[in-house]
């Protein structure tokens, strides 16, 4: 391998764009960036539902090598993050590398040539020396199977595939789900719907968001001295990051102080915004804080107190032509059903069929649960690198930090292949097994390991496949050096 070896990056969300930028700046001359969508941005291009925004402060949710000061809110909207992705493309000259509307469908390892044969949906075939998969974890909408769904005569849609042609004004709307996407879209839907029913399966721990608009005058002031603004921004990012990595992390590492503090934050927020004791009881979680995603919003609870909004906690029995029936026997007549039910995660059903050594399909190897060494490489698949892969999700901090560390690791691996004058590296099975054992031991000391904790972080067997077992700094340390003894090189 050398700097002219073709390298394919699949997915032009934040991860793929950062990989392209960093590798381009490192001198790799034959980069290919494939994106199946019509625009860059990944999940931020896909999710356009009303109120969609990041639940991480924008100070953290941007790259250290591309800070921006044009944000209009402290928690940016999906449209603003998508625009930031567009700015990355133009600012770093990625246009010649980028192919939009180009879906990678299969990647087959050629052991003789020590390269990948990559095929796209339009029939094009490319030979590449390495693949960086930036397909992520949150891009496959999950719609629960509910009896009678096909019989519903009204409009229906998932939050990740919002149909902007459906006018909700004055309509009878039902939202199935009450977690991360739901708490953002419900207040917006409530503004226009004639009536709104929120079907909640379980309550969430919610803290105050404290979002604020950054007015144009403040942006203009920052632009009067951009260097000072960048320096202050860097210090602010470091403070927010360290606070989250030190204190918020304790909610999940399950220290007495951490769980008490954040359970109290949520309790106080609920009591402040919901006066009705019956409604408050419905919104009080019955599981350990940190078990499921901790949410931040100031508008969800007030939306539920409006006269035309109903919170329904009885189990959904099914849909029929006119609406939803719940276990209490009550039937809700609806014009529109919105599934705010999140994403398929633990199955890892990528649209890309990856075939490694010995003809093994990655989907088959991961049928019982995904495993990846450091969340980046997996046994039997040489020169196949993942960004935001298994075991790298967080509950407490920003994934952009994790992506930067993963890209640095991939760069170190590619540089090592060049220095050693070899073509490929595949993680050894025993090294991966050791990593997984150590990780599961660490995860066993977190709240997610509690047998009563059920969340999208776990698969059907109760295995925690999504999350890293420590804070961000511990991950940075884990990927700071490539241990070549853990790889077979050829």
Protein backbone atom coordinates (compact mmCIF):
# COMPACT_ATOMS: atom_id res chain seq x y z
CA UNK A 1 0.00 0.00 0.00
CA UNK A 2 1.09 3.58 -0.68
CA UNK A 3 -0.47 7.04 -0.85
CA UNK A 4 -1.84 6.35 -4.33
CA UNK A 5 -3.78 3.23 -3.32
CA UNK A 6 -7.52 3.79 -3.86
CA UNK A 7 -9.44 4.13 -0.59
CA UNK A 8 -13.24 4.16 -0.50
CA UNK A 9 -15.16 6.02 2.19
CA UNK A 10 -18.80 4.93 2.30
CA UNK A 11 -21.20 7.48 3.69
CA UNK A 12 -20.91 11.26 3.62
CA UNK A 13 -22.26 12.06 7.05
CA UNK A 14 -20.09 13.72 9.65
CA UNK A 15 -17.88 10.64 9.98
CA UNK A 16 -17.26 10.11 6.28
CA UNK A 17 -16.59 13.78 5.64
CA UNK A 18 -14.08 13.99 8.48
CA UNK A 19 -12.30 10.88 7.23
CA UNK A 20 -12.06 12.33 3.73
CA UNK A 21 -10.72 15.62 5.07
CA UNK A 22 -8.10 14.06 7.32
CA UNK A 23 -6.88 11.54 4.72
CA UNK A 24 -6.78 14.19 2.00
CA UNK A 25 -4.68 16.41 4.22
CA UNK A 26 -2.41 13.44 5.00
CA UNK A 27 -1.57 13.12 1.31
CA UNK A 28 -3.73 10.21 0.15
CA UNK A 29 -4.26 10.89 -3.53
CA UNK A 30 -6.96 8.44 -4.59
CA UNK A 31 -9.90 8.87 -2.25
CA UNK A 32 -13.46 7.94 -3.20
CA UNK A 33 -16.38 9.27 -1.11
CA UNK A 34 -19.69 7.55 -1.88
CA UNK A 35 -23.06 8.76 -0.58
CA UNK A 36 -26.36 7.08 -1.43
CA UNK A 37 -28.37 10.23 -0.71
CA UNK A 38 -28.76 13.36 -2.77
CA UNK A 39 -26.91 15.50 -0.23
CA UNK A 40 -24.26 15.13 2.45
CA UNK A 41 -25.00 15.08 6.15
CA UNK A 42 -26.08 11.51 6.87
CA UNK A 43 -28.66 11.40 9.63
CA UNK A 44 -28.86 15.19 9.58
CA UNK A 45 -29.92 15.13 5.94
CA UNK A 46 -32.30 12.22 6.53
CA UNK A 47 -34.12 13.62 9.56
CA UNK A 48 -36.15 16.71 8.71
CA UNK A 49 -39.08 16.38 11.12
CA UNK A 50 -40.31 19.55 12.85
CA UNK A 51 -38.09 20.49 15.77
CA UNK A 52 -35.26 18.14 14.78
CA UNK A 53 -32.07 19.28 16.44
CA UNK A 54 -28.96 18.01 18.16
CA UNK A 55 -29.22 17.15 21.85
CA UNK A 56 -25.51 17.87 22.36
CA UNK A 57 -24.40 21.53 22.73
CA UNK A 58 -23.03 22.84 19.45
CA UNK A 59 -19.82 23.77 21.26
CA UNK A 60 -19.11 20.02 21.35
CA UNK A 61 -20.92 18.90 18.21
CA UNK A 62 -18.41 20.18 15.66
CA UNK A 63 -14.93 19.17 14.70
CA UNK A 64 -11.84 20.55 16.40
CA UNK A 65 -10.26 21.08 12.97
CA UNK A 66 -13.34 22.93 11.65
CA UNK A 67 -14.83 25.13 14.39
CA UNK A 68 -17.68 27.42 13.32
CA UNK A 69 -19.18 30.53 14.89
CA UNK A 70 -22.23 31.01 12.66
CA UNK A 71 -24.63 28.83 14.68
CA UNK A 72 -27.99 30.43 15.45
CA UNK A 73 -28.75 28.35 18.56
CA UNK A 74 -26.68 26.71 21.26
CA UNK A 75 -28.33 23.41 20.22
CA UNK A 76 -28.28 23.41 16.40
CA UNK A 77 -31.13 22.27 14.17
CA UNK A 78 -30.70 19.38 11.76
CA UNK A 79 -30.76 21.87 8.87
CA UNK A 80 -27.88 23.83 10.39
CA UNK A 81 -25.79 20.71 10.93
CA UNK A 82 -26.49 19.61 7.36
CA UNK A 83 -25.37 23.06 6.19
CA UNK A 84 -22.22 22.65 8.31
CA UNK A 85 -21.56 19.40 6.42
CA UNK A 86 -21.95 21.27 3.12
CA UNK A 87 -19.43 23.81 4.40
CA UNK A 88 -16.98 21.00 5.16
CA UNK A 89 -17.26 19.83 1.55
CA UNK A 90 -16.60 23.25 0.04
CA UNK A 91 -14.15 24.46 2.69
CA UNK A 92 -11.89 21.43 2.36
CA UNK A 93 -12.30 20.87 -1.37
CA UNK A 94 -14.03 17.50 -1.23
CA UNK A 95 -16.16 17.99 -4.36
CA UNK A 96 -13.83 16.00 -6.68
CA UNK A 97 -13.95 13.02 -4.30
CA UNK A 98 -17.69 12.99 -3.72
CA UNK A 99 -20.27 10.92 -5.60
CA UNK A 100 -23.84 11.61 -4.48
CA UNK A 101 -26.77 9.31 -5.30
CA UNK A 102 -24.27 6.44 -5.36
CA UNK A 103 -25.11 3.54 -3.07
CA UNK A 104 -22.43 0.96 -2.33
CA UNK A 105 -24.17 -2.42 -2.36
CA UNK A 106 -21.39 -5.00 -2.05
CA UNK A 107 -17.73 -5.22 -1.07
CA UNK A 108 -15.86 -8.47 -1.65
CA UNK A 109 -12.32 -9.13 -0.44
CA UNK A 110 -9.93 -10.48 -3.06
CA UNK A 111 -7.25 -12.41 -1.15
CA UNK A 112 -5.06 -12.76 -4.22
CA UNK A 113 -5.01 -9.07 -5.10
CA UNK A 114 -5.24 -8.05 -1.44
CA UNK A 115 -7.93 -5.54 -2.32
CA UNK A 116 -11.68 -4.96 -2.20
CA UNK A 117 -14.05 -5.20 -5.15
CA UNK A 118 -16.66 -2.55 -4.49
CA UNK A 119 -19.90 -2.50 -6.46
CA UNK A 120 -22.52 0.25 -6.46
CA UNK A 121 -26.24 0.12 -7.22
CA UNK A 122 -25.69 1.59 -10.69
CA UNK A 123 -23.42 -1.35 -11.60
CA UNK A 124 -20.07 0.40 -11.32
CA UNK A 125 -17.22 -1.74 -10.00
CA UNK A 126 -14.14 -0.31 -8.30
CA UNK A 127 -11.00 -1.96 -6.92
CA UNK A 128 -9.88 -0.32 -3.69
CA UNK A 129 -7.15 -1.15 -1.22
CA UNK A 130 -9.15 -0.18 1.87
CA UNK A 131 -12.71 0.66 2.86
CA UNK A 132 -13.79 3.06 5.57
CA UNK A 133 -17.41 2.42 6.46
CA UNK A 134 -19.07 5.56 7.79
CA UNK A 135 -22.58 4.10 7.70
CA UNK A 136 -23.03 4.63 11.42
CA UNK A 137 -25.58 3.23 13.86
CA UNK A 138 -28.64 5.47 13.47
CA UNK A 139 -29.72 5.34 9.84
CA UNK A 140 -32.23 2.47 9.66
CA UNK A 141 -35.69 3.54 10.81
CA UNK A 142 -37.42 1.13 13.17
CA UNK A 143 -41.18 0.74 12.80
CA UNK A 144 -42.72 -1.66 15.30
CA UNK A 145 -45.00 -4.37 13.99
CA UNK A 146 -48.49 -3.54 15.28
CA UNK A 147 -51.60 -5.50 14.43
CA UNK A 148 -53.74 -3.86 11.76
CA UNK A 149 -51.17 -1.32 10.56
CA UNK A 150 -52.00 -1.96 6.92
CA UNK A 151 -55.68 -1.27 7.59
CA UNK A 152 -55.21 2.32 8.70
CA UNK A 153 -56.72 4.64 6.08
CA UNK A 154 -55.01 7.82 7.22
CA UNK A 155 -51.49 9.07 6.56
CA UNK A 156 -48.60 7.48 8.41
CA UNK A 157 -44.87 8.18 8.51
CA UNK A 158 -41.73 7.62 10.52
CA UNK A 159 -39.98 10.62 12.02
CA UNK A 160 -36.85 9.78 9.99
CA UNK A 161 -38.84 9.82 6.74
CA UNK A 162 -40.99 12.87 7.30
CA UNK A 163 -43.63 13.51 4.63
CA UNK A 164 -43.80 17.27 4.30
CA UNK A 165 -46.77 16.93 1.93
CA UNK A 166 -48.96 15.84 4.85
CA UNK A 167 -50.60 18.93 6.33
CA UNK A 168 -51.10 18.43 10.07
CA UNK A 169 -53.08 21.64 10.60
CA UNK A 170 -56.29 20.86 12.43
CA UNK A 171 -55.77 17.10 12.07
CA UNK A 172 -56.20 14.37 14.67
CA UNK A 173 -52.63 13.17 15.12
CA UNK A 174 -51.19 10.24 17.05
CA UNK A 175 -47.49 9.99 17.87
CA UNK A 176 -46.25 6.53 18.81
CA UNK A 177 -43.15 6.94 20.94
CA UNK A 178 -41.95 9.44 23.52
CA UNK A 179 -38.14 9.32 23.44
CA UNK A 180 -35.42 11.39 21.75
CA UNK A 181 -37.10 12.23 18.43
CA UNK A 182 -40.58 12.35 19.93
CA UNK A 183 -39.79 14.96 22.57
CA UNK A 184 -38.56 17.25 19.81
CA UNK A 185 -41.38 16.85 17.31
CA UNK A 186 -44.35 16.62 19.74
CA UNK A 187 -44.20 20.30 20.82
CA UNK A 188 -44.07 21.36 17.16
CA UNK A 189 -46.93 19.07 16.10
CA UNK A 190 -48.99 20.28 19.05
CA UNK A 191 -48.79 23.83 17.67
CA UNK A 192 -50.78 22.93 14.55
CA UNK A 193 -52.72 19.72 15.23
CA UNK A 194 -56.40 19.86 16.10
CA UNK A 195 -55.78 17.12 18.64
CA UNK A 196 -52.71 15.10 19.56
CA UNK A 197 -52.40 11.75 21.32
CA UNK A 198 -48.95 10.70 22.54
CA UNK A 199 -48.64 6.94 23.00
CA UNK A 200 -45.93 6.40 25.62
CA UNK A 201 -44.51 2.96 26.35
CA UNK A 202 -42.14 4.11 29.11
CA UNK A 203 -41.33 7.46 30.66
CA UNK A 204 -37.93 9.10 30.27
CA UNK A 205 -35.53 10.92 32.52
CA UNK A 206 -35.52 14.46 31.20
CA UNK A 207 -33.39 17.42 32.23
CA UNK A 208 -33.55 21.12 31.29
CA UNK A 209 -32.04 21.93 27.92
CA UNK A 210 -31.35 25.63 28.30
CA UNK A 211 -31.22 26.26 24.57
CA UNK A 212 -30.98 29.87 23.50
CA UNK A 213 -30.96 31.77 20.26
CA UNK A 214 -27.66 33.34 19.22
CA UNK A 215 -28.80 36.60 17.61
CA UNK A 216 -27.20 38.03 14.49
CA UNK A 217 -25.78 40.92 16.52
CA UNK A 218 -23.87 38.49 18.73
CA UNK A 219 -22.56 36.61 15.70
CA UNK A 220 -21.44 39.92 14.17
CA UNK A 221 -19.63 40.77 17.39
CA UNK A 222 -17.81 37.42 17.32
CA UNK A 223 -16.86 37.97 13.69
CA UNK A 224 -15.26 41.29 14.61
CA UNK A 225 -12.45 39.23 16.15
CA UNK A 226 -12.75 35.67 14.83
CA UNK A 227 -9.47 34.47 16.35
CA UNK A 228 -10.50 35.53 19.85
CA UNK A 229 -13.90 33.91 19.27
CA UNK A 230 -12.21 30.67 18.23
CA UNK A 231 -9.92 30.73 21.27
CA UNK A 232 -12.82 31.33 23.64
CA UNK A 233 -14.83 28.65 21.86
CA UNK A 234 -12.03 26.13 22.31
CA UNK A 235 -11.85 26.85 26.03
CA UNK A 236 -15.64 26.61 26.34
CA UNK A 237 -15.65 23.28 24.48
CA UNK A 238 -12.96 21.93 26.78
CA UNK A 239 -14.94 22.92 29.87
CA UNK A 240 -18.21 21.38 28.61
CA UNK A 241 -16.38 18.24 27.48
CA UNK A 242 -14.54 17.76 30.78
CA UNK A 243 -17.71 18.35 32.78
CA UNK A 244 -19.58 15.71 30.79
CA UNK A 245 -16.68 13.25 30.83
CA UNK A 246 -16.16 13.64 34.58
CA UNK A 247 -19.59 14.19 36.10
CA UNK A 248 -22.34 13.22 33.65
CA UNK A 249 -20.43 10.00 32.96
CA UNK A 250 -20.99 9.01 36.59
CA UNK A 251 -24.69 8.56 35.84
CA UNK A 252 -23.72 5.62 33.63
CA UNK A 253 -20.68 4.35 35.54
CA UNK A 254 -23.21 4.13 38.34
CA UNK A 255 -21.56 6.02 41.15
CA UNK A 256 -23.94 6.86 44.00
CA UNK A 257 -23.24 10.55 43.48
CA UNK A 258 -23.85 10.41 39.73
CA UNK A 259 -27.14 8.57 39.83
CA UNK A 260 -28.45 10.64 42.74
CA UNK A 261 -27.55 13.95 41.09
CA UNK A 262 -29.07 13.26 37.68
CA UNK A 263 -32.15 11.51 39.07
CA UNK A 264 -32.70 14.65 41.14
CA UNK A 265 -32.14 16.93 38.13
CA UNK A 266 -34.84 15.05 36.23
CA UNK A 267 -37.21 14.98 39.23
CA UNK A 268 -36.90 18.72 39.78
CA UNK A 269 -37.44 19.45 36.09
CA UNK A 270 -40.57 17.29 36.02
CA UNK A 271 -41.98 18.87 39.18
CA UNK A 272 -41.30 22.37 37.91
CA UNK A 273 -43.06 21.86 34.59
CA UNK A 274 -45.88 19.43 35.45
CA UNK A 275 -48.25 20.42 38.25
CA UNK A 276 -50.90 17.73 37.74
CA UNK A 277 -49.99 14.78 40.01
CA UNK A 278 -51.66 12.21 37.75
CA UNK A 279 -49.79 13.39 34.66
CA UNK A 280 -46.59 13.66 36.67
CA UNK A 281 -46.96 10.04 37.79
CA UNK A 282 -47.31 8.91 34.17
CA UNK A 283 -44.11 10.77 33.30
CA UNK A 284 -42.05 9.33 36.17
CA UNK A 285 -39.66 6.57 35.01
CA UNK A 286 -39.75 3.20 36.78
CA UNK A 287 -36.15 2.22 35.95
CA UNK A 288 -32.67 3.33 36.92
CA UNK A 289 -31.46 6.70 35.70
CA UNK A 290 -29.02 6.29 32.80
CA UNK A 291 -30.45 2.94 31.74
CA UNK A 292 -32.03 4.61 28.71
CA UNK A 293 -30.96 7.77 26.99
CA UNK A 294 -31.15 10.81 29.26
CA UNK A 295 -33.06 13.50 27.38
CA UNK A 296 -32.88 17.29 27.50
CA UNK A 297 -35.85 19.45 26.56
CA UNK A 298 -37.73 22.44 27.93
CA UNK A 299 -40.76 22.18 25.62
CA UNK A 300 -41.96 18.56 25.84
CA UNK A 301 -43.61 18.66 29.27
CA UNK A 302 -45.43 21.97 28.64
CA UNK A 303 -46.79 20.57 25.36
CA UNK A 304 -48.42 17.71 27.25
CA UNK A 305 -50.31 20.11 29.52
CA UNK A 306 -52.31 21.62 26.65
CA UNK A 307 -56.02 20.82 26.51
CA UNK A 308 -55.88 19.26 23.04
CA UNK A 309 -52.95 16.95 23.92
CA UNK A 310 -53.43 13.55 25.58
CA UNK A 311 -50.76 11.28 27.05
CA UNK A 312 -51.81 7.64 26.71
CA UNK A 313 -49.79 5.04 28.59
CA UNK A 314 -51.97 1.97 28.01
CA UNK A 315 -50.47 -0.62 25.68
CA UNK A 316 -51.40 -0.30 22.01
CA UNK A 317 -53.45 -3.32 20.93
CA UNK A 318 -53.67 -2.43 17.26
CA UNK A 319 -54.67 -0.12 14.47
CA UNK A 320 -57.77 -0.22 12.35
CA UNK A 321 -59.07 1.87 9.49
CA UNK A 322 -59.80 4.90 11.66
CA UNK A 323 -57.19 4.91 14.41
CA UNK A 324 -55.59 3.20 17.38
CA UNK A 325 -57.07 0.97 20.06
CA UNK A 326 -55.32 0.54 23.42
CA UNK A 327 -55.51 -2.17 26.10
CA UNK A 328 -57.96 -0.19 28.24
CA UNK A 329 -60.49 -0.55 25.45
CA UNK A 330 -60.33 3.08 24.43
CA UNK A 331 -60.18 3.87 20.71
CA UNK A 332 -58.59 7.03 19.33
CA UNK A 333 -59.86 8.29 15.98
CA UNK A 334 -56.88 9.63 14.03
CA UNK A 335 -56.11 11.20 10.67
CA UNK A 336 -52.32 10.80 10.92
CA UNK A 337 -50.06 8.35 12.74
CA UNK A 338 -46.42 9.32 13.32
CA UNK A 339 -43.91 6.66 14.36
CA UNK A 340 -41.29 8.32 16.56
CA UNK A 341 -39.85 4.90 17.30
CA UNK A 342 -36.17 5.40 16.69
CA UNK A 343 -33.78 3.28 14.71
CA UNK A 344 -32.86 -0.34 14.19
CA UNK A 345 -29.53 -0.63 15.93
CA UNK A 346 -28.44 -3.96 17.35
CA UNK A 347 -29.15 -5.94 14.18
CA UNK A 348 -26.64 -3.92 12.13
CA UNK A 349 -28.44 -4.60 8.87
CA UNK A 350 -26.38 -2.43 6.58
CA UNK A 351 -27.46 -2.11 2.96
CA UNK A 352 -23.82 -2.90 2.09
CA UNK A 353 -23.07 -6.63 1.81
CA UNK A 354 -19.48 -7.08 3.00
CA UNK A 355 -17.77 -10.38 2.17
CA UNK A 356 -14.39 -10.98 3.78
CA UNK A 357 -11.86 -13.77 3.98
CA UNK A 358 -13.10 -17.28 3.20
CA UNK A 359 -16.29 -15.84 1.71
CA UNK A 360 -17.73 -14.88 5.09
CA UNK A 361 -20.51 -12.30 4.99
CA UNK A 362 -20.24 -9.71 7.72
CA UNK A 363 -23.99 -9.94 8.33
CA UNK A 364 -23.64 -13.66 9.00
CA UNK A 365 -20.64 -13.18 11.28
CA UNK A 366 -22.63 -10.63 13.25
CA UNK A 367 -25.88 -12.61 13.31
CA UNK A 368 -25.52 -13.28 17.04
CA UNK A 369 -24.30 -9.76 17.77
CA UNK A 370 -21.68 -7.44 16.25
CA UNK A 371 -18.11 -7.50 17.49
CA UNK A 372 -15.36 -5.11 16.46
CA UNK A 373 -11.92 -4.59 17.91
CA UNK A 374 -11.91 -1.04 19.31
CA UNK A 375 -15.15 -0.63 17.36
CA UNK A 376 -13.04 -0.09 14.23
CA UNK A 377 -11.88 -3.44 12.77
CA UNK A 378 -13.30 -6.95 12.85
CA UNK A 379 -11.75 -10.37 12.34
CA UNK A 380 -11.74 -11.82 8.84
CA UNK A 381 -12.14 -8.45 7.12
CA UNK A 382 -8.73 -6.98 6.22
CA UNK A 383 -8.43 -3.26 5.55
CA UNK A 384 -12.07 -2.72 6.51
CA UNK A 385 -12.45 0.11 9.00
CA UNK A 386 -15.58 1.37 10.73
CA UNK A 387 -16.49 4.78 12.11
CA UNK A 388 -19.15 4.87 14.82
CA UNK A 389 -19.13 1.08 14.70
CA UNK A 390 -20.16 -1.39 17.40
CA UNK A 391 -19.11 -0.55 20.96
CA UNK A 392 -18.52 3.16 20.28
CA UNK A 393 -21.84 4.78 21.13
CA UNK A 394 -22.03 7.17 24.09
CA UNK A 395 -24.61 8.19 26.63
CA UNK A 396 -22.86 11.23 28.02
CA UNK A 397 -20.75 13.18 25.52
CA UNK A 398 -20.25 13.98 21.83
CA UNK A 399 -19.74 11.36 19.12
CA UNK A 400 -17.72 13.83 17.04
CA UNK A 401 -14.88 13.45 19.56
CA UNK A 402 -15.04 9.68 19.15
CA UNK A 403 -15.04 10.00 15.37
CA UNK A 404 -11.89 12.11 15.42
CA UNK A 405 -10.09 9.54 17.54
CA UNK A 406 -11.24 6.69 15.29
CA UNK A 407 -10.04 8.49 12.18
CA UNK A 408 -6.67 9.10 13.80
CA UNK A 409 -6.44 5.38 14.49
CA UNK A 410 -7.31 4.52 10.88
CA UNK A 411 -4.69 6.99 9.68
CA UNK A 412 -2.10 5.36 11.93
CA UNK A 413 -2.99 1.95 10.54
CA UNK A 414 -2.74 3.09 6.93
CA UNK A 415 0.57 4.82 7.64
CA UNK A 416 1.82 1.65 9.31
CA UNK A 417 0.95 -0.44 6.26
CA UNK A 418 2.91 1.97 4.09
CA UNK A 419 5.90 2.01 6.44
CA UNK A 420 5.95 -1.80 6.63
CA UNK A 421 5.56 -2.07 2.85
CA UNK A 422 2.61 -4.45 3.23
CA UNK A 423 -0.84 -4.42 1.65
CA UNK A 424 -3.26 -5.47 4.36
CA UNK A 425 -3.93 -5.95 8.05
CA UNK A 426 -6.63 -8.03 9.71
CA UNK A 427 -7.21 -8.10 13.44
CA UNK A 428 -6.38 -11.47 14.97
CA UNK A 429 -9.37 -13.39 16.38
CA UNK A 430 -7.68 -13.81 19.75
CA UNK A 431 -7.00 -10.08 19.98
CA UNK A 432 -10.62 -9.28 19.21
CA UNK A 433 -11.82 -11.86 21.75
CA UNK A 434 -9.57 -10.32 24.41
CA UNK A 435 -10.84 -6.84 23.62
CA UNK A 436 -14.48 -7.94 23.79
CA UNK A 437 -13.91 -9.73 27.10
CA UNK A 438 -12.27 -6.64 28.61
CA UNK A 439 -15.00 -4.38 27.24
CA UNK A 440 -17.82 -6.55 28.57
CA UNK A 441 -16.12 -6.60 31.95
CA UNK A 442 -16.06 -2.79 31.94
CA UNK A 443 -19.67 -2.60 30.74
CA UNK A 444 -20.63 -4.97 33.54
CA UNK A 445 -19.94 -2.15 35.99
CA UNK A 446 -22.28 0.29 34.23
CA UNK A 447 -26.01 0.88 34.62
CA UNK A 448 -26.64 -0.73 31.23
CA UNK A 449 -25.66 -4.13 32.68
CA UNK A 450 -28.50 -4.04 35.21
CA UNK A 451 -30.77 -7.00 34.29
CA UNK A 452 -33.81 -4.74 34.69
CA UNK A 453 -32.36 -2.24 32.21
CA UNK A 454 -33.81 -2.71 28.74
CA UNK A 455 -32.84 -0.26 26.00
CA UNK A 456 -31.71 -0.01 22.40
CA UNK A 457 -28.15 -0.41 23.65
CA UNK A 458 -28.80 -4.13 24.15
CA UNK A 459 -29.73 -6.91 21.76
CA UNK A 460 -32.43 -9.51 22.37
CA UNK A 461 -30.00 -11.64 24.38
CA UNK A 462 -29.22 -8.82 26.76
CA UNK A 463 -25.75 -8.20 25.33
CA UNK A 464 -24.59 -4.58 25.26
CA UNK A 465 -23.34 -4.23 21.70
CA UNK A 466 -23.63 -0.51 21.06
CA UNK A 467 -21.80 1.30 23.82
CA UNK A 468 -18.27 2.02 24.92
CA UNK A 469 -17.61 0.94 28.50
CA UNK A 470 -15.93 4.12 29.72
CA UNK A 471 -15.76 7.84 29.17
CA UNK A 472 -14.34 9.51 26.08
CA UNK A 473 -10.86 9.96 27.50
CA UNK A 474 -10.59 6.23 28.16
CA UNK A 475 -11.49 5.57 24.53
CA UNK A 476 -8.91 8.07 23.32
CA UNK A 477 -6.30 6.22 25.37
CA UNK A 478 -7.41 2.85 24.00
CA UNK A 479 -6.99 3.94 20.37
CA UNK A 480 -3.94 6.15 20.85
CA UNK A 481 -1.52 3.48 19.59
CA UNK A 482 -1.85 0.69 17.05
CA UNK A 483 -0.72 -2.55 18.65
CA UNK A 484 0.58 -4.31 15.57
CA UNK A 485 0.95 -7.59 17.42
CA UNK A 486 -2.85 -7.72 17.40
CA UNK A 487 -2.91 -7.74 13.59
CA UNK A 488 -1.93 -10.15 10.87
CA UNK A 489 -0.24 -8.22 8.10
CA UNK A 490 0.41 -9.35 4.54
